[in-house]
C-alpha cells in the first residue's frame, strides 16, 4: 500500500504540474498543509489507539483484541483516513487543487478495497465485529 501511495503521489504531482503550470494560490497551499496535518494527527491517533495490536500487514498478534477505544469509538479505519488525507494534502500543497482531486480519485479505490478486505478478515476473527460495524462508520463519522 505504501509503494502504491508513493507512486500515486509522484504521478499526481507530475500530471498536476504538466496540466496546470501556474503559481498556486497561497490559500490552497495552506489548505493542503492543513489537510496533511489533519491526516497525520488522525493517523497517529489511530496508531496510538491500536497500541501493540497495530500491524503493517493484515493479521493478528497474539491475544489480539478488538479495539473500540479512542478514535475507534467513532470510526473503524482512522489509519486509512489519515493516509488518504496525507496523500491528498501533499499533492494539493505541492501542485494544485486539481491534482489533489486527481490523487483522491486514484487513492480512494485502493483504500476502499483494503477496508473491505480488512473488514471481511476481522468479521471472521471476531464474533463481535459485525455488532461493532453497526455502531460505527468506516472512515467518516455518522456518514460512511
Protein backbone atom coordinates (compact mmCIF):
# COMPACT_ATOMS: atom_id res chain seq x y z
CA UNK A 1 0.00 0.00 0.00
CA UNK A 2 2.85 2.42 0.84
CA UNK A 3 4.53 1.89 -2.54
CA UNK A 4 1.23 2.45 -4.31
CA UNK A 5 0.59 5.66 -2.35
CA UNK A 6 4.09 6.99 -3.05
CA UNK A 7 3.76 6.16 -6.75
CA UNK A 8 0.34 7.77 -6.89
CA UNK A 9 1.69 10.95 -5.25
CA UNK A 10 4.53 11.18 -7.78
CA UNK A 11 2.20 10.59 -10.73
CA UNK A 12 -0.39 13.06 -9.46
CA UNK A 13 2.21 15.77 -8.85
CA UNK A 14 3.74 15.23 -12.28
CA UNK A 15 0.36 15.35 -14.01
CA UNK A 16 -0.66 18.37 -12.00
CA UNK A 17 2.49 20.26 -12.92
CA UNK A 18 2.12 19.31 -16.58
CA UNK A 19 -1.57 20.21 -16.79
CA UNK A 20 -1.61 23.30 -14.55
CA UNK A 21 1.72 25.04 -14.70
CA UNK A 22 0.81 28.22 -12.85
CA UNK A 23 1.54 29.78 -9.47
CA UNK A 24 -0.59 28.39 -6.72
CA UNK A 25 -2.92 30.41 -4.63
CA UNK A 26 -1.35 30.50 -1.13
CA UNK A 27 -4.76 29.73 0.39
CA UNK A 28 -4.76 26.41 -1.48
CA UNK A 29 -1.20 25.71 -0.35
CA UNK A 30 -2.15 26.33 3.28
CA UNK A 31 -5.32 24.28 2.91
CA UNK A 32 -3.15 21.41 1.67
CA UNK A 33 -0.84 21.78 4.66
CA UNK A 34 -3.85 21.74 6.99
CA UNK A 35 -5.15 18.57 5.31
CA UNK A 36 -1.74 16.91 5.74
CA UNK A 37 -1.58 17.88 9.41
CA UNK A 38 -5.12 16.61 9.99
CA UNK A 39 -4.17 13.34 8.27
CA UNK A 40 -1.04 12.95 10.38
CA UNK A 41 -2.99 13.64 13.57
CA UNK A 42 -5.69 11.12 12.65
CA UNK A 43 -3.09 8.52 11.64
CA UNK A 44 -1.16 8.95 14.90
CA UNK A 45 -4.36 8.82 16.95
CA UNK A 46 -5.37 5.58 15.24
CA UNK A 47 -1.91 4.10 15.67
CA UNK A 48 -1.75 5.01 19.37
CA UNK A 49 -5.27 3.68 19.97
CA UNK A 50 -4.29 0.32 18.45
CA UNK A 51 -1.14 0.12 20.55
CA UNK A 52 0.53 -3.28 20.33
CA UNK A 53 -2.26 -4.57 18.04
CA UNK A 54 -1.00 -2.43 15.13
CA UNK A 55 0.38 -4.47 12.23
CA UNK A 56 1.68 -3.40 8.83
CA UNK A 57 0.27 -6.46 7.09
CA UNK A 58 -3.23 -7.78 7.60
CA UNK A 59 -3.06 -10.15 10.54
CA UNK A 60 -3.43 -10.53 14.26
CA UNK A 61 -0.90 -10.52 17.08
CA UNK A 62 -1.05 -12.98 19.97
CA UNK A 63 -4.03 -12.44 22.27
CA UNK A 64 -5.37 -9.83 19.85
CA UNK A 65 -8.47 -7.95 20.98
CA UNK A 66 -10.93 -5.87 19.02
CA UNK A 67 -10.04 -2.23 19.72
CA UNK A 68 -13.08 0.01 20.28
CA UNK A 69 -11.46 2.78 22.31
CA UNK A 70 -10.06 6.15 21.34
CA UNK A 71 -10.83 7.20 17.79
CA UNK A 72 -12.08 3.64 17.14
CA UNK A 73 -15.23 4.53 19.10
CA UNK A 74 -16.19 6.72 16.15
CA UNK A 75 -14.62 5.21 13.03
CA UNK A 76 -13.24 1.78 12.21
CA UNK A 77 -10.36 2.78 9.91
CA UNK A 78 -8.70 6.01 11.07
CA UNK A 79 -5.29 4.98 9.76
CA UNK A 80 -6.66 4.66 6.22
CA UNK A 81 -8.41 8.01 6.60
CA UNK A 82 -5.15 9.57 7.78
CA UNK A 83 -3.19 8.13 4.83
CA UNK A 84 -5.85 9.36 2.41
CA UNK A 85 -5.75 12.90 3.83
CA UNK A 86 -1.94 12.94 3.80
CA UNK A 87 -1.81 11.86 0.15
CA UNK A 88 -4.42 14.39 -0.95
CA UNK A 89 -2.93 17.16 1.20
CA UNK A 90 0.63 16.65 -0.05
CA UNK A 91 -0.38 16.73 -3.69
CA UNK A 92 -2.59 19.77 -3.12
CA UNK A 93 0.20 21.60 -1.30
CA UNK A 94 2.92 20.77 -3.83
CA UNK A 95 0.94 21.03 -7.01
CA UNK A 96 -2.68 22.18 -7.29
CA UNK A 97 -6.22 21.69 -6.13
CA UNK A 98 -6.98 19.67 -9.24
CA UNK A 99 -4.01 17.42 -8.54
CA UNK A 100 -5.34 16.83 -5.04
CA UNK A 101 -8.67 15.81 -6.58
CA UNK A 102 -6.84 13.53 -9.01
CA UNK A 103 -4.97 11.97 -6.11
CA UNK A 104 -8.23 11.38 -4.26
CA UNK A 105 -9.69 9.66 -7.33
CA UNK A 106 -6.59 7.45 -7.64
CA UNK A 107 -6.16 6.51 -3.98
CA UNK A 108 -9.75 6.16 -2.80
CA UNK A 109 -10.50 2.92 -4.68
CA UNK A 110 -7.32 1.37 -3.25
CA UNK A 111 -8.24 2.34 0.29
CA UNK A 112 -11.83 1.15 -0.10
CA UNK A 113 -10.54 -2.20 -1.37
CA UNK A 114 -8.22 -2.53 1.64
CA UNK A 115 -11.01 -1.57 4.04
CA UNK A 116 -13.38 -4.17 2.62
CA UNK A 117 -10.66 -6.85 2.70
CA UNK A 118 -9.77 -5.98 6.29
CA UNK A 119 -13.39 -5.97 7.41
CA UNK A 120 -14.01 -9.42 5.95
CA UNK A 121 -10.93 -10.70 7.76
CA UNK A 122 -11.91 -9.12 11.08
CA UNK A 123 -15.51 -10.37 10.83
CA UNK A 124 -14.14 -13.93 10.61
CA UNK A 125 -11.78 -13.43 13.56
CA UNK A 126 -14.01 -11.51 15.99
CA UNK A 127 -17.57 -12.55 16.81
CA UNK A 128 -18.43 -9.02 17.92
CA UNK A 129 -17.09 -7.32 14.79
CA UNK A 130 -20.44 -7.16 12.97
CA UNK A 131 -22.03 -5.52 16.03
CA UNK A 132 -19.11 -3.06 16.13
CA UNK A 133 -19.76 -2.27 12.45
CA UNK A 134 -23.38 -1.42 13.29
CA UNK A 135 -22.19 1.01 15.99
CA UNK A 136 -19.52 2.84 13.96
CA UNK A 137 -18.80 4.11 10.46
CA UNK A 138 -15.82 3.16 8.31
CA UNK A 139 -13.92 6.43 7.88
CA UNK A 140 -16.38 9.31 8.05
CA UNK A 141 -18.27 9.60 11.36
CA UNK A 142 -22.09 9.37 11.01
CA UNK A 143 -21.79 9.02 7.18
CA UNK A 144 -19.70 6.05 5.86
